[in-house]
Amino acid sequence: MKIKDLAKVDRPREKLVKYGPGKLKDAELLAILLGTGTKGVNVVELSQKIIRRFDEGKLANASVQELREVSGLGTAKAAEIVSCFELGRRFLHEKRSALILSPRDVWEELKDIRSGKKEHFIILFLDTRNQEIRRETISVGSLNASLVHPREVFEPAIQHLAAHIIVAHNHPSGNTEPSDEDVAITRRLAEAGALLGIELLDHVIVASSGFTSLKERGLI
């Protein structure tokens, strides 16, 4: 049976568009990548044959030469498979999520602003496992309540589907003692987060010499 003979609901590309990639089997995802099958074998059947040949995750590390041993799979399609997995590895390596469990983890994450000559106010958006989804800089310059408005903090948190957030900023003076303004901003953000169901886990002040957690100080 050719792909065009399948009901639209069973065609891999249409299923992906309608339901997302998570609903497709491995062979269906591979079929979308390959595009076409070979004489007498449709692309889904060819994909199933490939996956049976390279079981237990070996497909991700197969070479072009190894893939060409599968009947019906030529150099071009084999190269497409190898390129796809290599691209995935590169992106996953570069985007590896940091696990944020303590104020020291935040300090380690923000090594680029510890010695900054201007204050940088940073948000770390976290998932339910405290893995970093994304990091954003909200303001650069002297920290005040008008620059760090709850809207600026929680709009992107909602967009990125964050379960929790941690905010942080550096003190160019090197003194990590929180100011009255730091405490006021923290409490305002904590109250806004409680209303939205996105918990403010901590506010960490960093410098090259160390850090201070407002959570550990009992200020949240």
Protein backbone atom coordinates (compact mmCIF):
# COMPACT_ATOMS: atom_id res chain seq x y z
CA MET A 1 0.00 0.00 0.00
CA LYS A 2 1.29 3.44 -0.93
CA ILE A 3 1.18 6.35 1.54
CA LYS A 4 -1.35 8.17 -0.64
CA ASP A 5 -3.66 5.17 -0.31
CA LEU A 6 -3.79 5.52 3.47
CA ALA A 7 -6.55 7.51 5.13
CA LYS A 8 -5.32 11.05 5.81
CA VAL A 9 -5.58 10.46 9.54
CA ASP A 10 -2.99 7.66 9.21
CA ARG A 11 -0.48 9.54 7.08
CA PRO A 12 2.62 10.47 9.15
CA ARG A 13 2.93 14.08 7.99
CA GLU A 14 -0.75 14.82 8.52
CA LYS A 15 -0.66 13.16 11.96
CA LEU A 16 2.31 15.28 13.01
CA VAL A 17 0.64 18.51 11.91
CA LYS A 18 -2.60 17.65 13.68
CA TYR A 19 -1.36 15.96 16.86
CA GLY A 20 2.30 16.92 17.24
CA PRO A 21 5.43 14.71 17.01
CA GLY A 22 4.83 13.07 20.38
CA LYS A 23 1.90 11.09 18.98
CA LEU A 24 3.90 9.45 16.18
CA LYS A 25 5.75 6.14 16.30
CA ASP A 26 9.48 6.07 15.57
CA ALA A 27 8.88 4.63 12.11
CA GLU A 28 6.40 7.38 11.28
CA LEU A 29 8.84 10.11 12.30
CA LEU A 30 11.56 8.49 10.23
CA ALA A 31 9.15 8.20 7.31
CA ILE A 32 8.59 11.96 7.33
CA LEU A 33 12.35 12.48 7.19
CA LEU A 34 12.83 10.04 4.29
CA GLY A 35 9.86 11.35 2.31
CA THR A 36 9.55 8.44 -0.13
CA GLY A 37 9.98 4.70 -0.12
CA THR A 38 11.36 2.45 -2.83
CA LYS A 39 9.91 0.12 -5.44
CA GLY A 40 7.33 -2.12 -3.82
CA VAL A 41 7.95 -0.70 -0.32
CA ASN A 42 6.28 2.45 0.95
CA VAL A 43 8.17 4.88 3.13
CA VAL A 44 6.64 3.68 6.42
CA GLU A 45 7.56 0.07 5.64
CA LEU A 46 11.07 1.15 4.71
CA SER A 47 11.32 3.06 7.99
CA GLN A 48 10.16 0.03 9.96
CA LYS A 49 12.81 -2.07 8.23
CA ILE A 50 15.51 0.44 9.19
CA ILE A 51 14.43 0.57 12.83
CA ARG A 52 14.35 -3.25 13.07
CA ARG A 53 17.87 -3.35 11.65
CA PHE A 54 19.20 -0.81 14.14
CA ASP A 55 17.48 -1.68 17.40
CA GLU A 56 18.20 -0.45 20.95
CA GLY A 57 18.97 3.09 19.87
CA LYS A 58 21.80 2.15 17.50
CA LEU A 59 20.22 4.10 14.65
CA ALA A 60 21.31 7.41 16.17
CA ASN A 61 24.97 6.42 15.78
CA ALA A 62 24.79 4.50 12.50
CA SER A 63 27.12 5.54 9.69
CA VAL A 64 26.15 6.15 6.07
CA GLN A 65 27.88 2.90 5.12
CA GLU A 66 25.92 0.91 7.69
CA LEU A 67 22.63 2.43 6.65
CA ARG A 68 23.25 1.67 2.99
CA GLU A 69 23.23 -2.03 3.90
CA VAL A 70 19.44 -1.76 4.29
CA SER A 71 17.80 -2.76 1.01
CA GLY A 72 16.15 0.26 -0.59
CA LEU A 73 18.20 2.85 1.30
CA GLY A 74 20.64 4.75 -0.87
CA THR A 75 23.44 7.19 -0.07
CA ALA A 76 21.24 10.31 -0.16
CA LYS A 77 18.65 9.02 2.32
CA ALA A 78 21.34 7.49 4.54
CA ALA A 79 23.11 10.85 4.64
CA GLU A 80 19.84 12.58 5.59
CA ILE A 81 19.41 10.26 8.58
CA VAL A 82 23.00 10.74 9.78
CA SER A 83 22.72 14.53 9.38
CA CYS A 84 19.44 14.64 11.32
CA PHE A 85 20.84 12.82 14.33
CA GLU A 86 24.06 14.84 14.31
CA LEU A 87 22.12 18.11 14.21
CA GLY A 88 19.98 16.91 17.12
CA ARG A 89 23.06 16.05 19.17
CA ARG A 90 24.56 19.48 18.57
CA PHE A 91 21.41 21.35 19.53
CA LEU A 92 20.82 19.21 22.62
CA HIS A 93 24.41 19.71 23.74
CA GLU A 94 24.24 23.48 23.33
CA LYS A 95 20.79 23.77 24.93
CA ARG A 96 21.39 21.37 27.80
CA SER A 97 19.21 22.48 30.72
CA ALA A 98 20.88 23.48 33.94
CA LEU A 99 19.43 22.04 37.13
CA ILE A 100 18.94 24.86 39.64
CA LEU A 101 18.66 23.54 43.19
CA SER A 102 20.46 26.10 45.34
CA PRO A 103 21.63 29.73 45.44
CA ARG A 104 25.12 28.50 44.62
CA ASP A 105 23.75 26.95 41.41
CA VAL A 106 22.40 30.39 40.50
CA TRP A 107 25.77 31.98 41.30
CA GLU A 108 27.52 29.42 39.10
CA GLU A 109 25.03 30.02 36.29
CA LEU A 110 25.55 33.80 36.35
CA LYS A 111 29.33 33.91 36.11
CA ASP A 112 29.03 36.34 33.18
CA ILE A 113 27.47 39.13 35.29
CA ARG A 114 29.16 38.67 38.67
CA SER A 115 31.80 41.33 37.97
CA GLY A 116 29.63 43.56 35.81
CA LYS A 117 29.96 47.32 36.17
CA LYS A 118 26.20 47.74 35.75
CA GLU A 119 23.40 45.91 37.51
CA HIS A 120 21.78 43.18 35.43
CA PHE A 121 18.41 41.86 36.55
CA ILE A 122 17.98 38.27 35.36
CA ILE A 123 15.09 35.80 35.39
CA LEU A 124 15.62 32.05 35.28
CA PHE A 125 12.48 30.26 34.07
CA LEU A 126 12.27 26.74 35.49
CA ASP A 127 10.13 23.68 34.84
CA THR A 128 8.59 21.45 37.50
CA ARG A 129 11.94 19.67 38.00
CA ASN A 130 13.80 22.95 38.48
CA GLN A 131 15.50 22.63 35.13
CA GLU A 132 16.19 25.90 33.39
CA ILE A 133 13.88 26.50 30.43
CA ARG A 134 15.22 29.90 29.52
CA ARG A 135 17.11 32.86 30.92
CA GLU A 136 16.24 36.47 30.20
CA THR A 137 17.69 39.85 31.14
CA ILE A 138 14.90 42.21 32.21
CA SER A 139 16.90 45.36 32.87
CA VAL A 140 20.41 46.75 32.89
CA GLY A 141 21.23 49.68 35.16
CA SER A 142 20.28 50.81 38.64
CA LEU A 143 17.60 48.48 39.98
CA ASN A 144 14.26 50.01 40.88
CA ALA A 145 10.62 48.96 41.08
CA SER A 146 9.65 50.81 37.89
CA LEU A 147 12.13 48.78 35.83
CA VAL A 148 11.24 45.44 37.41
CA HIS A 149 7.48 45.37 37.09
CA PRO A 150 5.67 42.05 37.69
CA ARG A 151 4.30 42.25 34.15
CA GLU A 152 7.83 42.21 32.70
CA VAL A 153 8.67 39.17 34.79
CA PHE A 154 5.56 37.02 34.54
CA GLU A 155 4.44 37.62 30.93
CA PRO A 156 7.48 35.69 29.60
CA ALA A 157 7.11 33.15 32.42
CA ILE A 158 3.62 32.34 31.16
CA GLN A 159 4.80 32.24 27.54
CA HIS A 160 7.57 29.77 28.40
CA LEU A 161 5.22 27.63 30.55
CA ALA A 162 7.45 28.07 33.58
CA ALA A 163 6.41 26.36 36.80
CA HIS A 164 8.78 28.45 38.95
CA ILE A 165 11.12 31.38 38.54
CA ILE A 166 14.26 32.59 40.24
CA VAL A 167 15.31 36.20 39.89
CA ALA A 168 18.83 37.45 40.40
CA HIS A 169 20.97 40.51 39.96
CA ASN A 170 24.55 41.56 40.52
CA HIS A 171 25.94 44.26 42.79
CA PRO A 172 28.88 45.98 41.05
CA SER A 173 30.17 47.12 44.46
CA GLY A 174 30.84 43.49 45.38
CA ASN A 175 28.70 43.80 48.50
CA THR A 176 25.80 41.34 48.23
CA GLU A 177 23.81 42.73 51.16
CA PRO A 178 20.22 43.33 49.93
CA SER A 179 18.97 46.91 49.87
CA ASP A 180 15.50 48.01 50.96
CA GLU A 181 14.62 48.33 47.28
CA ASP A 182 15.79 44.74 46.63
CA VAL A 183 13.55 43.46 49.42
CA ALA A 184 10.55 45.49 48.24
CA ILE A 185 10.89 44.24 44.66
CA THR A 186 11.25 40.66 45.86
CA ARG A 187 8.10 40.76 47.96
CA ARG A 188 6.12 42.41 45.17
CA LEU A 189 7.17 39.68 42.72
CA ALA A 190 6.45 36.93 45.25
CA GLU A 191 2.91 38.24 45.75
CA ALA A 192 2.31 38.46 41.98
CA GLY A 193 3.66 34.96 41.48
CA ALA A 194 1.37 33.55 44.17
CA LEU A 195 -1.64 35.02 42.37
CA LEU A 196 -0.55 33.54 39.04
CA GLY A 197 0.52 30.15 40.39
CA ILE A 198 4.15 30.64 39.35
CA GLU A 199 6.26 30.51 42.51
CA LEU A 200 9.20 32.84 43.03
CA LEU A 201 11.69 30.39 44.51
CA ASP A 202 14.42 32.88 45.34
CA HIS A 203 16.06 36.22 44.65
CA VAL A 204 19.83 35.84 44.57
CA ILE A 205 22.24 38.76 44.65
CA VAL A 206 25.59 37.86 43.10
CA ALA A 207 29.07 39.32 42.98
CA SER A 208 32.49 37.98 42.13
CA SER A 209 33.15 37.24 45.81
CA GLY A 210 29.92 35.39 46.59
CA PHE A 211 26.15 35.62 46.80
CA THR A 212 23.20 36.27 49.10
CA SER A 213 19.87 34.44 48.95
CA LEU A 214 16.85 36.45 50.06
CA LYS A 215 15.04 33.14 50.54
CA GLU A 216 17.67 31.98 53.04
CA ARG A 217 17.41 35.34 54.79
CA GLY A 218 13.68 34.78 55.27
CA LEU A 219 12.80 37.77 53.12
CA ILE A 220 10.44 35.88 50.79
